[in-house]
Amino acid sequence: MAQQPIIIGTADAKAGDTLFSGATKINANTTELYTGVAANEAAIVANAAAIVANTSLITGFTKTHWF
């Protein structure tokens, strides 16, 4: 699913974090999470491809079933 940013509108000056400030923080956190997930997904795909490519190098073992 693509990231869907929260539309935060204009700032509202109240005590503590305003709705605007809170929504800005949520957008920043969500962007960071999406970026991290995308980076990890790319690494997993690359590692899986490397494992498949290197399985032919492993020799001398017999499949054993433990159940």
Protein backbone atom coordinates (compact mmCIF):
# COMPACT_ATOMS: atom_id res chain seq x y z
CA MET A 1 0.00 0.00 0.00
CA ALA A 2 1.30 3.46 -0.81
CA GLN A 3 1.83 5.98 1.94
CA GLN A 4 -1.16 8.26 2.47
CA PRO A 5 -0.03 11.42 4.32
CA ILE A 6 -2.41 13.03 6.77
CA ILE A 7 -3.68 16.38 5.53
CA ILE A 8 -2.88 18.60 8.48
CA GLY A 9 -4.33 21.95 7.44
CA THR A 10 -3.17 25.10 9.26
CA ALA A 11 -1.55 25.45 12.67
CA ASP A 12 -3.73 25.97 15.75
CA ALA A 13 -2.03 27.74 18.69
CA LYS A 14 -3.00 25.90 21.94
CA ALA A 15 -1.06 24.53 24.94
CA GLY A 16 1.09 21.46 24.28
CA ASP A 17 1.33 19.94 20.83
CA THR A 18 -1.24 21.37 18.52
CA LEU A 19 -3.22 19.22 16.13
CA PHE A 20 -1.00 20.59 13.38
CA SER A 21 2.21 19.72 15.23
CA GLY A 22 0.96 16.26 16.17
CA ALA A 23 -0.08 15.46 12.64
CA THR A 24 3.30 16.69 11.38
CA LYS A 25 5.04 14.29 13.78
CA ILE A 26 2.79 11.42 12.67
CA ASN A 27 3.64 12.11 9.03
CA ALA A 28 7.38 12.21 9.82
CA ASN A 29 7.20 8.94 11.75
CA THR A 30 5.17 7.22 9.07
CA THR A 31 7.60 8.36 6.37
CA GLU A 32 10.49 6.98 8.40
CA LEU A 33 8.73 3.63 8.83
CA TYR A 34 7.89 3.33 5.14
CA THR A 35 11.50 4.17 4.24
CA GLY A 36 12.84 1.57 6.67
CA VAL A 37 10.46 -1.13 5.46
CA ALA A 38 11.39 -0.47 1.84
CA ALA A 39 15.13 -0.70 2.65
CA ASN A 40 14.65 -3.94 4.58
CA GLU A 41 12.51 -5.42 1.83
CA ALA A 42 15.24 -4.71 -0.73
CA ALA A 43 17.87 -6.31 1.53
CA ILE A 44 15.72 -9.42 2.08
CA VAL A 45 15.20 -9.87 -1.67
CA ALA A 46 18.94 -9.47 -2.31
CA ASN A 47 19.84 -11.94 0.46
CA ALA A 48 17.30 -14.49 -0.75
CA ALA A 49 18.74 -14.27 -4.26
CA ALA A 50 22.27 -14.77 -2.88
CA ILE A 51 21.16 -17.82 -0.88
CA VAL A 52 19.52 -19.38 -3.93
CA ALA A 53 22.61 -18.67 -6.03
CA ASN A 54 24.94 -20.23 -3.47
CA THR A 55 22.98 -23.38 -2.63
CA SER A 56 24.74 -25.24 -5.44
CA LEU A 57 28.06 -24.64 -3.62
CA ILE A 58 26.97 -26.71 -0.62
CA THR A 59 27.86 -30.37 -1.18
CA GLY A 60 28.36 -33.52 0.84
CA PHE A 61 25.18 -33.33 2.92
CA THR A 62 22.23 -35.66 2.99
CA LYS A 63 18.72 -34.43 3.65
CA THR A 64 17.55 -35.51 7.08
CA HIS A 65 14.00 -35.33 8.32
CA TRP A 66 13.57 -34.94 12.05
CA PHE A 67 9.85 -35.57 12.17
